[in-house]
Amino acid sequence: MKPLAITMGCPVGIGPEIILKFFAAADSAGDRDMPAVVVGDPAVLAWCGRSLGLAADVVAWQPGEPVPARAIPVFRPPDLPKLLPQNLVWGRPDRQTGLAMGRAIEAAVHGILDHVFSGMVTCPIAKKSLHAAGYTFPGHTEMLASLCRSREYAMMMAGDRLRVTLVTIHTPLRDVPASLTTEKIHKLIEMTATSLQRDFAVSRPRLAVAALNPHAGEAGMFGSEEELVISPAIRLARQDGWLADGPYPADTVFFKAAAGDYDAVVCMYHDQGLIPFKLLHFKDGVNVTIGLPLVRTSVDHGTAYDIAGKGLADPASLAAAVRMACAIIAGRNRAGA
């Protein structure tokens, strides 16, 4: 069985800490879902363990080697910059830490495409230091899509009670209305429904589509996007055979979805979907990138520099991301996808 790749994220954020805590908890409970390998710097993980008093049996690993059952195997990409622990300061990323983040992500993707890894789970990165290292992507999702040469991709936030997808991701709020098109919304409805079938075993996905404006535009009184852009996309999706309803006012649609009336909500912009999602799944939410030729899940939180190095980080979201990645990989394998 090919191992899962877990990228370390920002070396001076909470990524190393939640990785150590995740492996410790999994070993204590005896429930590693599948073999997993950290992609990053073993010296950083060892430094984190010493700094926080966390037991950490960190071992170097190379593709083709067996994955140890109890230790923490770490694959260090050859082009990873050498990070000296004495130069690292919790909560203070720089160009070198940004380069380390980027190289780990690239190595994990190439490893999957080369059939070394079965899929990937990503720990949080810092976009500012990633940019300082020369990467120009707005975030993780866009970088992964570029590496996979995927033009059609989307972010899904998934939990036991709520799933949301986003038409626009890292778009300033003032630019959202002009960024929405019937084609984009129609495509996201299709991608969301397909992912629910393929990755979550939902045979007949029921989708709710959120409105952009208050009260779904109130028949044009508060905006025309519902009538001119969103409703036509829903009609096209229904013509394709998908169960899509809306556009629904955002102040009611998430309640209906969380109550089980819908399998996912298609949202128009970032905070519209993520505020209700994190209200319900702040600790156990998972970020799933749909539309890629590989399985990628992620924690749904950031680098948390304010608590980095203090031993306060909770690995619950990482554990949930690993479980979800394993379930999606197993489901695709059964389906022959």
C-alpha atoms as a PDB file:
ATOM      1  CA  MET A   1       0.000   0.000   0.000  1.00  0.00           C
ATOM      2  CA  LYS A   2       1.406   3.392  -0.994  1.00  0.00           C
ATOM      3  CA  PRO A   3       1.729   5.793   1.939  1.00  0.00           C
ATOM      4  CA  LEU A   4      -0.113   9.051   2.361  1.00  0.00           C
ATOM      5  CA  ALA A   5       2.032  12.202   2.166  1.00  0.00           C
ATOM      6  CA  ILE A   6       1.609  14.803   4.921  1.00  0.00           C
ATOM      7  CA  THR A   7       3.303  18.086   4.079  1.00  0.00           C
ATOM      8  CA  MET A   8       4.804  19.855   7.089  1.00  0.00           C
ATOM      9  CA  GLY A   9       3.503  23.332   6.297  1.00  0.00           C
ATOM     10  CA  CYS A  10       5.261  26.367   7.730  1.00  0.00           C
ATOM     11  CA  PRO A  11       8.216  25.200   9.849  1.00  0.00           C
ATOM     12  CA  VAL A  12       7.634  27.939  12.445  1.00  0.00           C
ATOM     13  CA  GLY A  13       3.853  27.615  12.570  1.00  0.00           C
ATOM     14  CA  ILE A  14       1.839  24.912  14.298  1.00  0.00           C
ATOM     15  CA  GLY A  15       2.295  22.371  11.479  1.00  0.00           C
ATOM     16  CA  PRO A  16       5.218  20.491  13.083  1.00  0.00           C
ATOM     17  CA  GLU A  17       3.433  20.411  16.438  1.00  0.00           C
ATOM     18  CA  ILE A  18       0.150  19.011  15.172  1.00  0.00           C
ATOM     19  CA  ILE A  19       2.060  16.402  13.148  1.00  0.00           C
ATOM     20  CA  LEU A  20       3.885  15.166  16.257  1.00  0.00           C
ATOM     21  CA  LYS A  21       0.671  15.135  18.273  1.00  0.00           C
ATOM     22  CA  PHE A  22      -1.225  13.387  15.491  1.00  0.00           C
ATOM     23  CA  PHE A  23       1.294  10.546  15.232  1.00  0.00           C
ATOM     24  CA  ALA A  24       1.484  10.220  19.028  1.00  0.00           C
ATOM     25  CA  ALA A  25      -2.302   9.970  19.340  1.00  0.00           C
ATOM     26  CA  ALA A  26      -2.592   7.533  16.431  1.00  0.00           C
ATOM     27  CA  ASP A  27       0.103   5.282  17.887  1.00  0.00           C
ATOM     28  CA  SER A  28      -1.431   5.449  21.359  1.00  0.00           C
ATOM     29  CA  ALA A  29      -4.806   4.388  19.989  1.00  0.00           C
ATOM     30  CA  GLY A  30      -3.264   1.920  17.531  1.00  0.00           C
ATOM     31  CA  ASP A  31      -5.301   3.314  14.662  1.00  0.00           C
ATOM     32  CA  ARG A  32      -3.066   4.585  11.885  1.00  0.00           C
ATOM     33  CA  ASP A  33      -5.578   4.477   9.023  1.00  0.00           C
ATOM     34  CA  MET A  34      -2.901   3.868   6.402  1.00  0.00           C
ATOM     35  CA  PRO A  35       0.885   4.278   6.190  1.00  0.00           C
ATOM     36  CA  ALA A  36       1.799   7.976   6.258  1.00  0.00           C
ATOM     37  CA  VAL A  37       5.022   9.855   5.551  1.00  0.00           C
ATOM     38  CA  VAL A  38       5.786  13.453   6.432  1.00  0.00           C
ATOM     39  CA  VAL A  39       7.236  15.509   3.577  1.00  0.00           C
ATOM     40  CA  GLY A  40       9.495  18.125   5.100  1.00  0.00           C
ATOM     41  CA  ASP A  41      12.554  18.494   7.290  1.00  0.00           C
ATOM     42  CA  PRO A  42      13.242  15.849   9.957  1.00  0.00           C
ATOM     43  CA  ALA A  43      15.533  18.273  11.811  1.00  0.00           C
ATOM     44  CA  VAL A  44      12.643  20.728  12.202  1.00  0.00           C
ATOM     45  CA  LEU A  45      10.335  18.041  13.567  1.00  0.00           C
ATOM     46  CA  ALA A  46      13.002  16.894  16.012  1.00  0.00           C
ATOM     47  CA  TRP A  47      13.581  20.524  17.082  1.00  0.00           C
ATOM     48  CA  CYS A  48       9.846  20.957  17.621  1.00  0.00           C
ATOM     49  CA  GLY A  49       9.740  17.823  19.763  1.00  0.00           C
ATOM     50  CA  ARG A  50      12.616  19.045  21.925  1.00  0.00           C
ATOM     51  CA  SER A  51      11.171  22.555  22.219  1.00  0.00           C
ATOM     52  CA  LEU A  52       7.746  21.366  23.332  1.00  0.00           C
ATOM     53  CA  GLY A  53       8.753  18.280  25.283  1.00  0.00           C
ATOM     54  CA  LEU A  54       6.958  15.979  22.848  1.00  0.00           C
ATOM     55  CA  ALA A  55       8.307  12.489  22.374  1.00  0.00           C
ATOM     56  CA  ALA A  56       9.261  12.165  18.726  1.00  0.00           C
ATOM     57  CA  ASP A  57      10.976   9.201  17.105  1.00  0.00           C
ATOM     58  CA  VAL A  58      11.735  10.919  13.796  1.00  0.00           C
ATOM     59  CA  VAL A  59      13.395   8.781  11.127  1.00  0.00           C
ATOM     60  CA  ALA A  60      14.504   9.557   7.573  1.00  0.00           C
ATOM     61  CA  TRP A  61      12.569   7.780   4.823  1.00  0.00           C
ATOM     62  CA  GLN A  62      13.126   7.318   1.098  1.00  0.00           C
ATOM     63  CA  PRO A  63      10.684   6.121  -1.587  1.00  0.00           C
ATOM     64  CA  GLY A  64      10.661   2.350  -1.849  1.00  0.00           C
ATOM     65  CA  GLU A  65      11.494   1.792   1.810  1.00  0.00           C
ATOM     66  CA  PRO A  66       8.954   0.204   4.168  1.00  0.00           C
ATOM     67  CA  VAL A  67       7.065   2.663   6.345  1.00  0.00           C
ATOM     68  CA  PRO A  68       7.788   2.070  10.042  1.00  0.00           C
ATOM     69  CA  ALA A  69       4.762   1.281  12.169  1.00  0.00           C
ATOM     70  CA  ARG A  70       5.605   3.407  15.210  1.00  0.00           C
ATOM     71  CA  ALA A  71       8.202   6.003  14.247  1.00  0.00           C
ATOM     72  CA  ILE A  72       7.528   9.201  12.284  1.00  0.00           C
ATOM     73  CA  PRO A  73       8.983   8.706   8.777  1.00  0.00           C
ATOM     74  CA  VAL A  74      10.065  11.905   7.041  1.00  0.00           C
ATOM     75  CA  PHE A  75      10.934  12.324   3.381  1.00  0.00           C
ATOM     76  CA  ARG A  76      13.249  15.278   2.905  1.00  0.00           C
ATOM     77  CA  PRO A  77      13.103  16.516  -0.714  1.00  0.00           C
ATOM     78  CA  PRO A  78      16.599  16.939  -2.182  1.00  0.00           C
ATOM     79  CA  ASP A  79      15.958  20.596  -3.014  1.00  0.00           C
ATOM     80  CA  LEU A  80      14.607  21.517   0.408  1.00  0.00           C
ATOM     81  CA  PRO A  81      16.577  24.438   1.897  1.00  0.00           C
ATOM     82  CA  LYS A  82      18.646  23.591   4.942  1.00  0.00           C
ATOM     83  CA  LEU A  83      16.908  25.074   7.950  1.00  0.00           C
ATOM     84  CA  LEU A  84      19.108  25.390  11.032  1.00  0.00           C
ATOM     85  CA  PRO A  85      17.007  25.015  14.189  1.00  0.00           C
ATOM     86  CA  GLN A  86      19.109  27.646  15.973  1.00  0.00           C
ATOM     87  CA  ASN A  87      17.980  30.172  13.357  1.00  0.00           C
ATOM     88  CA  LEU A  88      14.281  29.366  13.584  1.00  0.00           C
ATOM     89  CA  VAL A  89      11.929  31.459  15.721  1.00  0.00           C
ATOM     90  CA  TRP A  90       8.379  30.356  16.367  1.00  0.00           C
ATOM     91  CA  GLY A  91       5.887  32.605  14.625  1.00  0.00           C
ATOM     92  CA  ARG A  92       8.478  34.380  12.461  1.00  0.00           C
ATOM     93  CA  PRO A  93       8.409  33.037   8.897  1.00  0.00           C
ATOM     94  CA  ASP A  94      10.867  34.242   6.289  1.00  0.00           C
ATOM     95  CA  ARG A  95      11.953  33.505   2.746  1.00  0.00           C
ATOM     96  CA  GLN A  96      13.654  30.236   3.727  1.00  0.00           C
ATOM     97  CA  THR A  97      10.622  28.884   5.540  1.00  0.00           C
ATOM     98  CA  GLY A  98       8.523  29.906   2.533  1.00  0.00           C
ATOM     99  CA  LEU A  99      10.849  28.020   0.224  1.00  0.00           C
ATOM    100  CA  ALA A 100      10.645  24.962   2.488  1.00  0.00           C
ATOM    101  CA  MET A 101       6.845  25.067   2.319  1.00  0.00           C
ATOM    102  CA  GLY A 102       6.839  25.313  -1.466  1.00  0.00           C
ATOM    103  CA  ARG A 103       9.388  22.554  -2.012  1.00  0.00           C
ATOM    104  CA  ALA A 104       7.472  20.151   0.256  1.00  0.00           C
ATOM    105  CA  ILE A 105       4.223  20.735  -1.636  1.00  0.00           C
ATOM    106  CA  GLU A 106       5.948  20.210  -4.980  1.00  0.00           C
ATOM    107  CA  ALA A 107       7.611  16.998  -3.771  1.00  0.00           C
ATOM    108  CA  ALA A 108       4.327  15.583  -2.487  1.00  0.00           C
ATOM    109  CA  VAL A 109       2.505  16.284  -5.759  1.00  0.00           C
ATOM    110  CA  HIS A 110       5.317  14.825  -7.869  1.00  0.00           C
ATOM    111  CA  GLY A 111       5.389  11.812  -5.538  1.00  0.00           C
ATOM    112  CA  ILE A 112       1.703  11.152  -6.127  1.00  0.00           C
ATOM    113  CA  LEU A 113       1.989  11.554  -9.878  1.00  0.00           C
ATOM    114  CA  ASP A 114       4.981   9.161  -9.801  1.00  0.00           C
ATOM    115  CA  HIS A 115       2.931   6.618  -7.776  1.00  0.00           C
ATOM    116  CA  VAL A 116       5.085   6.968  -4.645  1.00  0.00           C
ATOM    117  CA  PHE A 117       2.245   8.367  -2.511  1.00  0.00           C
ATOM    118  CA  SER A 118      -1.466   7.560  -2.557  1.00  0.00           C
ATOM    119  CA  GLY A 119      -2.602  11.121  -1.819  1.00  0.00           C
ATOM    120  CA  MET A 120      -1.682  14.134   0.279  1.00  0.00           C
ATOM    121  CA  VAL A 121      -2.725  15.969   3.417  1.00  0.00           C
ATOM    122  CA  THR A 122      -1.391  19.484   3.830  1.00  0.00           C
ATOM    123  CA  CYS A 123      -0.567  21.407   6.985  1.00  0.00           C
ATOM    124  CA  PRO A 124      -1.006  25.200   6.946  1.00  0.00           C
ATOM    125  CA  ILE A 125       1.232  27.560   5.031  1.00  0.00           C
ATOM    126  CA  ALA A 126       1.926  31.296   5.170  1.00  0.00           C
ATOM    127  CA  LYS A 127       1.126  32.973   1.869  1.00  0.00           C
ATOM    128  CA  LYS A 128       3.340  36.010   2.593  1.00  0.00           C
ATOM    129  CA  SER A 129       6.525  33.995   3.087  1.00  0.00           C
ATOM    130  CA  LEU A 130       5.568  31.713   0.184  1.00  0.00           C
ATOM    131  CA  HIS A 131       5.447  34.823  -1.986  1.00  0.00           C
ATOM    132  CA  ALA A 132       8.774  36.006  -0.521  1.00  0.00           C
ATOM    133  CA  ALA A 133      10.255  32.715  -1.747  1.00  0.00           C
ATOM    134  CA  GLY A 134       9.185  33.499  -5.307  1.00  0.00           C
ATOM    135  CA  TYR A 135       5.858  31.689  -5.519  1.00  0.00           C
ATOM    136  CA  THR A 136       3.050  33.843  -6.917  1.00  0.00           C
ATOM    137  CA  PHE A 137       0.002  31.700  -6.121  1.00  0.00           C
ATOM    138  CA  PRO A 138      -2.798  33.199  -3.995  1.00  0.00           C
ATOM    139  CA  GLY A 139      -2.882  30.025  -1.903  1.00  0.00           C
ATOM    140  CA  HIS A 140      -2.471  26.277  -1.576  1.00  0.00           C
ATOM    141  CA  THR A 141      -5.362  25.397  -3.859  1.00  0.00           C
ATOM    142  CA  GLU A 142      -4.148  27.432  -6.806  1.00  0.00           C
ATOM    143  CA  MET A 143      -0.593  26.103  -6.423  1.00  0.00           C
ATOM    144  CA  LEU A 144      -1.800  22.501  -6.454  1.00  0.00           C
ATOM    145  CA  ALA A 145      -3.958  23.135  -9.512  1.00  0.00           C
ATOM    146  CA  SER A 146      -0.955  24.603 -11.336  1.00  0.00           C
ATOM    147  CA  LEU A 147       1.271  21.648 -10.428  1.00  0.00           C
ATOM    148  CA  CYS A 148      -1.415  19.242 -11.654  1.00  0.00           C
ATOM    149  CA  ARG A 149      -2.132  21.383 -14.737  1.00  0.00           C
ATOM    150  CA  SER A 150      -5.794  21.433 -13.759  1.00  0.00           C
ATOM    151  CA  ARG A 151      -7.888  24.296 -15.061  1.00  0.00           C
ATOM    152  CA  GLU A 152     -11.073  23.249 -13.287  1.00  0.00           C
ATOM    153  CA  TYR A 153     -10.765  22.921  -9.528  1.00  0.00           C
ATOM    154  CA  ALA A 154     -12.514  24.126  -6.398  1.00  0.00           C
ATOM    155  CA  MET A 155     -12.294  24.218  -2.636  1.00  0.00           C
ATOM    156  CA  MET A 156     -14.738  22.121  -0.627  1.00  0.00           C
ATOM    157  CA  MET A 157     -14.921  22.422   3.146  1.00  0.00           C
ATOM    158  CA  ALA A 158     -16.297  19.181   4.540  1.00  0.00           C
ATOM    159  CA  GLY A 159     -17.511  18.036   7.934  1.00  0.00           C
ATOM    160  CA  ASP A 160     -20.068  15.640   9.346  1.00  0.00           C
ATOM    161  CA  ARG A 161     -22.832  18.262   9.388  1.00  0.00           C
ATOM    162  CA  LEU A 162     -21.998  20.636   6.557  1.00  0.00           C
ATOM    163  CA  ARG A 163     -20.158  20.767   3.234  1.00  0.00           C
ATOM    164  CA  VAL A 164     -19.629  23.956   1.247  1.00  0.00           C
ATOM    165  CA  THR A 165     -17.953  24.814  -2.054  1.00  0.00           C
ATOM    166  CA  LEU A 166     -16.903  28.259  -3.254  1.00  0.00           C
ATOM    167  CA  VAL A 167     -17.375  29.874  -6.661  1.00  0.00           C
ATOM    168  CA  THR A 168     -14.736  32.498  -5.813  1.00  0.00           C
ATOM    169  CA  ILE A 169     -11.973  31.725  -3.321  1.00  0.00           C
ATOM    170  CA  HIS A 170      -9.351  34.386  -2.640  1.00  0.00           C
ATOM    171  CA  THR A 171     -11.216  37.205  -4.350  1.00  0.00           C
ATOM    172  CA  PRO A 172     -11.624  40.587  -2.615  1.00  0.00           C
ATOM    173  CA  LEU A 173     -15.242  41.097  -1.615  1.00  0.00           C
ATOM    174  CA  ARG A 174     -15.586  44.201  -3.786  1.00  0.00           C
ATOM    175  CA  ASP A 175     -14.679  42.118  -6.868  1.00  0.00           C
ATOM    176  CA  VAL A 176     -16.986  39.163  -6.207  1.00  0.00           C
ATOM    177  CA  PRO A 177     -20.113  40.317  -8.111  1.00  0.00           C
ATOM    178  CA  ALA A 178     -18.167  40.973 -11.307  1.00  0.00           C
ATOM    179  CA  SER A 179     -16.344  37.629 -10.920  1.00  0.00           C
ATOM    180  CA  LEU A 180     -19.542  35.566 -10.910  1.00  0.00           C
ATOM    181  CA  THR A 181     -20.710  34.060 -14.179  1.00  0.00           C
ATOM    182  CA  THR A 182     -23.406  31.567 -15.020  1.00  0.00           C
ATOM    183  CA  GLU A 183     -20.748  29.302 -16.498  1.00  0.00           C
ATOM    184  CA  LYS A 184     -18.628  29.291 -13.315  1.00  0.00           C
ATOM    185  CA  ILE A 185     -21.594  28.573 -11.065  1.00  0.00           C
ATOM    186  CA  HIS A 186     -22.937  25.858 -13.356  1.00  0.00           C
ATOM    187  CA  LYS A 187     -19.512  24.214 -13.477  1.00  0.00           C
ATOM    188  CA  LEU A 188     -19.121  24.304  -9.700  1.00  0.00           C
ATOM    189  CA  ILE A 189     -22.530  22.714  -9.194  1.00  0.00           C
ATOM    190  CA  GLU A 190     -21.431  19.909 -11.511  1.00  0.00           C
ATOM    191  CA  MET A 191     -18.022  19.529  -9.812  1.00  0.00           C
ATOM    192  CA  THR A 192     -19.596  19.509  -6.353  1.00  0.00           C
ATOM    193  CA  ALA A 193     -22.158  16.877  -7.278  1.00  0.00           C
ATOM    194  CA  THR A 194     -19.556  14.730  -9.017  1.00  0.00           C
ATOM    195  CA  SER A 195     -17.248  14.893  -5.988  1.00  0.00           C
ATOM    196  CA  LEU A 196     -20.084  13.945  -3.649  1.00  0.00           C
ATOM    197  CA  GLN A 197     -20.740  10.884  -5.782  1.00  0.00           C
ATOM    198  CA  ARG A 198     -17.118   9.927  -6.351  1.00  0.00           C
ATOM    199  CA  ASP A 199     -15.517  10.839  -3.031  1.00  0.00           C
ATOM    200  CA  PHE A 200     -18.349  10.701  -0.473  1.00  0.00           C
ATOM    201  CA  ALA A 201     -20.553   7.885  -1.842  1.00  0.00           C
ATOM    202  CA  VAL A 202     -23.636  10.125  -2.145  1.00  0.00           C
ATOM    203  CA  SER A 203     -25.571   8.509  -4.991  1.00  0.00           C
ATOM    204  CA  ARG A 204     -28.039  11.375  -5.623  1.00  0.00           C
ATOM    205  CA  PRO A 205     -26.487  14.580  -4.273  1.00  0.00           C
ATOM    206  CA  ARG A 206     -28.882  17.324  -3.188  1.00  0.00           C
ATOM    207  CA  LEU A 207     -27.340  20.755  -3.633  1.00  0.00           C
ATOM    208  CA  ALA A 208     -28.457  24.125  -2.340  1.00  0.00           C
ATOM    209  CA  VAL A 209     -27.123  27.212  -4.111  1.00  0.00           C
ATOM    210  CA  ALA A 210     -26.667  30.329  -2.004  1.00  0.00           C
ATOM    211  CA  ALA A 211     -27.724  33.753  -3.200  1.00  0.00           C
ATOM    212  CA  LEU A 212     -25.288  36.646  -3.323  1.00  0.00           C
ATOM    213  CA  ASN A 213     -27.509  39.463  -2.076  1.00  0.00           C
ATOM    214  CA  PRO A 214     -29.685  39.864   1.043  1.00  0.00           C
ATOM    215  CA  HIS A 215     -33.026  38.047   0.756  1.00  0.00           C
ATOM    216  CA  ALA A 216     -31.814  36.539  -2.540  1.00  0.00           C
ATOM    217  CA  GLY A 217     -32.101  39.959  -4.149  1.00  0.00           C
ATOM    218  CA  GLU A 218     -35.802  40.382  -3.231  1.00  0.00           C
ATOM    219  CA  ALA A 219     -36.933  40.176  -6.872  1.00  0.00           C
ATOM    220  CA  GLY A 220     -34.253  42.619  -7.973  1.00  0.00           C
ATOM    221  CA  MET A 221     -34.720  45.205  -5.206  1.00  0.00           C
ATOM    222  CA  PHE A 222     -31.384  44.374  -3.565  1.00  0.00           C
ATOM    223  CA  GLY A 223     -29.425  43.156  -6.575  1.00  0.00           C
ATOM    224  CA  SER A 224     -29.880  41.417  -9.905  1.00  0.00           C
ATOM    225  CA  GLU A 225     -27.238  38.653  -9.750  1.00  0.00           C
ATOM    226  CA  GLU A 226     -29.777  36.074  -8.603  1.00  0.00           C
ATOM    227  CA  GLU A 227     -32.032  36.587 -11.607  1.00  0.00           C
ATOM    228  CA  LEU A 228     -29.376  37.234 -14.236  1.00  0.00           C
ATOM    229  CA  VAL A 229     -26.488  34.973 -13.223  1.00  0.00           C
ATOM    230  CA  ILE A 230     -27.264  32.421 -10.487  1.00  0.00           C
ATOM    231  CA  SER A 231     -30.749  31.173 -11.436  1.00  0.00           C
ATOM    232  CA  PRO A 232     -29.733  30.403 -15.045  1.00  0.00           C
ATOM    233  CA  ALA A 233     -26.851  28.266 -13.723  1.00  0.00           C
ATOM    234  CA  ILE A 234     -29.243  26.312 -11.524  1.00  0.00           C
ATOM    235  CA  ARG A 235     -31.581  25.731 -14.454  1.00  0.00           C
ATOM    236  CA  LEU A 236     -28.690  24.400 -16.542  1.00  0.00           C
ATOM    237  CA  ALA A 237     -27.640  22.060 -13.740  1.00  0.00           C
ATOM    238  CA  ARG A 238     -31.174  20.730 -13.393  1.00  0.00           C
ATOM    239  CA  GLN A 239     -31.300  20.144 -17.143  1.00  0.00           C
ATOM    240  CA  ASP A 240     -28.158  18.045 -16.681  1.00  0.00           C
ATOM    241  CA  GLY A 241     -29.990  15.928 -14.142  1.00  0.00           C
ATOM    242  CA  TRP A 242     -28.506  17.349 -10.929  1.00  0.00           C
ATOM    243  CA  LEU A 243     -30.698  18.048  -7.907  1.00  0.00           C
ATOM    244  CA  ALA A 244     -29.881  21.727  -7.422  1.00  0.00           C
ATOM    245  CA  ASP A 245     -32.164  24.253  -5.696  1.00  0.00           C
ATOM    246  CA  GLY A 246     -31.989  27.965  -5.041  1.00  0.00           C
ATOM    247  CA  PRO A 247     -30.776  30.608  -5.020  1.00  0.00           C
ATOM    248  CA  TYR A 248     -31.508  30.651  -1.285  1.00  0.00           C
ATOM    249  CA  PRO A 249     -30.817  33.543   1.091  1.00  0.00           C
ATOM    250  CA  ALA A 250     -27.568  32.863   2.907  1.00  0.00           C
ATOM    251  CA  ASP A 251     -29.162  33.544   6.302  1.00  0.00           C
ATOM    252  CA  THR A 252     -31.318  30.400   6.032  1.00  0.00           C
ATOM    253  CA  VAL A 253     -29.654  27.981   3.619  1.00  0.00           C
ATOM    254  CA  PHE A 254     -26.925  26.759   5.978  1.00  0.00           C
ATOM    255  CA  PHE A 255     -29.466  25.904   8.663  1.00  0.00           C
ATOM    256  CA  LYS A 256     -31.311  23.717   6.157  1.00  0.00           C
ATOM    257  CA  ALA A 257     -28.107  22.027   4.991  1.00  0.00           C
ATOM    258  CA  ALA A 258     -26.869  21.361   8.532  1.00  0.00           C
ATOM    259  CA  ALA A 259     -30.275  19.854   9.325  1.00  0.00           C
ATOM    260  CA  GLY A 260     -29.744  17.305   6.542  1.00  0.00           C
ATOM    261  CA  ASP A 261     -31.932  18.764   3.795  1.00  0.00           C
ATOM    262  CA  TYR A 262     -28.939  19.155   1.463  1.00  0.00           C
ATOM    263  CA  ASP A 263     -25.613  17.387   0.970  1.00  0.00           C
ATOM    264  CA  ALA A 264     -23.690  20.583   0.186  1.00  0.00           C
ATOM    265  CA  VAL A 265     -24.119  24.321  -0.307  1.00  0.00           C
ATOM    266  CA  VAL A 266     -22.623  26.049  -3.333  1.00  0.00           C
ATOM    267  CA  CYS A 267     -21.482  29.479  -2.101  1.00  0.00           C
ATOM    268  CA  MET A 268     -20.633  32.612  -4.017  1.00  0.00           C
ATOM    269  CA  TYR A 269     -17.607  33.780  -2.009  1.00  0.00           C
ATOM    270  CA  HIS A 270     -15.097  32.771   0.657  1.00  0.00           C
ATOM    271  CA  ASP A 271     -16.565  34.066   3.904  1.00  0.00           C
ATOM    272  CA  GLN A 272     -20.142  33.292   2.921  1.00  0.00           C
ATOM    273  CA  GLY A 273     -19.298  29.598   3.147  1.00  0.00           C
ATOM    274  CA  LEU A 274     -16.503  29.522   5.685  1.00  0.00           C
ATOM    275  CA  ILE A 275     -18.156  31.482   8.496  1.00  0.00           C
ATOM    276  CA  PRO A 276     -21.032  29.000   8.979  1.00  0.00           C
ATOM    277  CA  PHE A 277     -18.754  26.077   8.265  1.00  0.00           C
ATOM    278  CA  LYS A 278     -16.221  27.010  10.935  1.00  0.00           C
ATOM    279  CA  LEU A 279     -18.989  27.765  13.396  1.00  0.00           C
ATOM    280  CA  LEU A 280     -19.936  24.088  13.154  1.00  0.00           C
ATOM    281  CA  HIS A 281     -16.549  22.519  12.371  1.00  0.00           C
ATOM    282  CA  PHE A 282     -13.877  24.752  13.866  1.00  0.00           C
ATOM    283  CA  LYS A 283     -11.845  21.798  15.189  1.00  0.00           C
ATOM    284  CA  ASP A 284     -12.723  18.951  12.846  1.00  0.00           C
ATOM    285  CA  GLY A 285     -13.318  20.605   9.479  1.00  0.00           C
ATOM    286  CA  VAL A 286     -11.431  19.435   6.404  1.00  0.00           C
ATOM    287  CA  ASN A 287     -10.439  21.313   3.261  1.00  0.00           C
ATOM    288  CA  VAL A 288     -10.802  19.103   0.162  1.00  0.00           C
ATOM    289  CA  THR A 289      -9.591  20.236  -3.258  1.00  0.00           C
ATOM    290  CA  ILE A 290     -11.972  18.874  -5.875  1.00  0.00           C
ATOM    291  CA  GLY A 291     -11.282  18.669  -9.595  1.00  0.00           C
ATOM    292  CA  LEU A 292      -7.659  17.509  -9.271  1.00  0.00           C
ATOM    293  CA  PRO A 293      -6.303  14.192 -10.582  1.00  0.00           C
ATOM    294  CA  LEU A 294      -5.132  13.396  -7.045  1.00  0.00           C
ATOM    295  CA  VAL A 295      -6.569  13.273  -3.533  1.00  0.00           C
ATOM    296  CA  ARG A 296      -5.753  16.299  -1.410  1.00  0.00           C
ATOM    297  CA  THR A 297      -7.229  17.192   1.943  1.00  0.00           C
ATOM    298  CA  SER A 298      -6.010  19.779   4.408  1.00  0.00           C
ATOM    299  CA  VAL A 299      -6.556  21.159   7.860  1.00  0.00           C
ATOM    300  CA  ASP A 300      -9.078  23.993   7.794  1.00  0.00           C
ATOM    301  CA  HIS A 301      -7.016  26.372   9.941  1.00  0.00           C
ATOM    302  CA  GLY A 302      -3.983  28.574   9.443  1.00  0.00           C
ATOM    303  CA  THR A 303      -0.454  28.651  10.804  1.00  0.00           C
ATOM    304  CA  ALA A 304      -1.638  30.110  14.138  1.00  0.00           C
ATOM    305  CA  TYR A 305       1.600  32.005  14.738  1.00  0.00           C
ATOM    306  CA  ASP A 306       0.161  33.457  17.942  1.00  0.00           C
ATOM    307  CA  ILE A 307       0.291  30.049  19.632  1.00  0.00           C
ATOM    308  CA  ALA A 308       3.180  28.459  17.691  1.00  0.00           C
ATOM    309  CA  GLY A 309       5.779  26.980  20.016  1.00  0.00           C
ATOM    310  CA  LYS A 310       3.484  27.100  23.056  1.00  0.00           C
ATOM    311  CA  GLY A 311       2.242  23.524  22.960  1.00  0.00           C
ATOM    312  CA  LEU A 312      -1.397  24.605  22.580  1.00  0.00           C
ATOM    313  CA  ALA A 313      -2.130  23.432  19.024  1.00  0.00           C
ATOM    314  CA  ASP A 314      -4.945  20.916  18.539  1.00  0.00           C
ATOM    315  CA  PRO A 315      -4.325  18.130  15.982  1.00  0.00           C
ATOM    316  CA  ALA A 316      -8.045  17.337  15.577  1.00  0.00           C
ATOM    317  CA  SER A 317      -8.361  18.909  12.126  1.00  0.00           C
ATOM    318  CA  LEU A 318      -5.247  17.093  10.893  1.00  0.00           C
ATOM    319  CA  ALA A 319      -6.624  13.797  12.178  1.00  0.00           C
ATOM    320  CA  ALA A 320      -9.930  14.506  10.420  1.00  0.00           C
ATOM    321  CA  ALA A 321      -8.098  15.412   7.196  1.00  0.00           C
ATOM    322  CA  VAL A 322      -6.131  12.149   7.296  1.00  0.00           C
ATOM    323  CA  ARG A 323      -9.278  10.102   7.923  1.00  0.00           C
ATOM    324  CA  MET A 324     -11.090  11.807   5.063  1.00  0.00           C
ATOM    325  CA  ALA A 325      -8.165  11.364   2.661  1.00  0.00           C
ATOM    326  CA  CYS A 326      -7.999   7.663   3.530  1.00  0.00           C
ATOM    327  CA  ALA A 327     -11.757   7.269   3.002  1.00  0.00           C
ATOM    328  CA  ILE A 328     -11.665   9.028  -0.372  1.00  0.00           C
ATOM    329  CA  ILE A 329      -8.661   6.999  -1.553  1.00  0.00           C
ATOM    330  CA  ALA A 330     -10.328   3.754  -0.451  1.00  0.00           C
ATOM    331  CA  GLY A 331     -13.564   4.717  -2.176  1.00  0.00           C
ATOM    332  CA  ARG A 332     -11.824   5.588  -5.424  1.00  0.00           C
ATOM    333  CA  ASN A 333      -9.857   2.346  -5.309  1.00  0.00           C
ATOM    334  CA  ARG A 334     -13.062   0.343  -4.870  1.00  0.00           C
ATOM    335  CA  ALA A 335     -14.662   2.203  -7.754  1.00  0.00           C
ATOM    336  CA  GLY A 336     -11.570   1.811  -9.913  1.00  0.00           C
ATOM    337  CA  ALA A 337     -11.295   5.596 -10.302  1.00  0.00           C
END
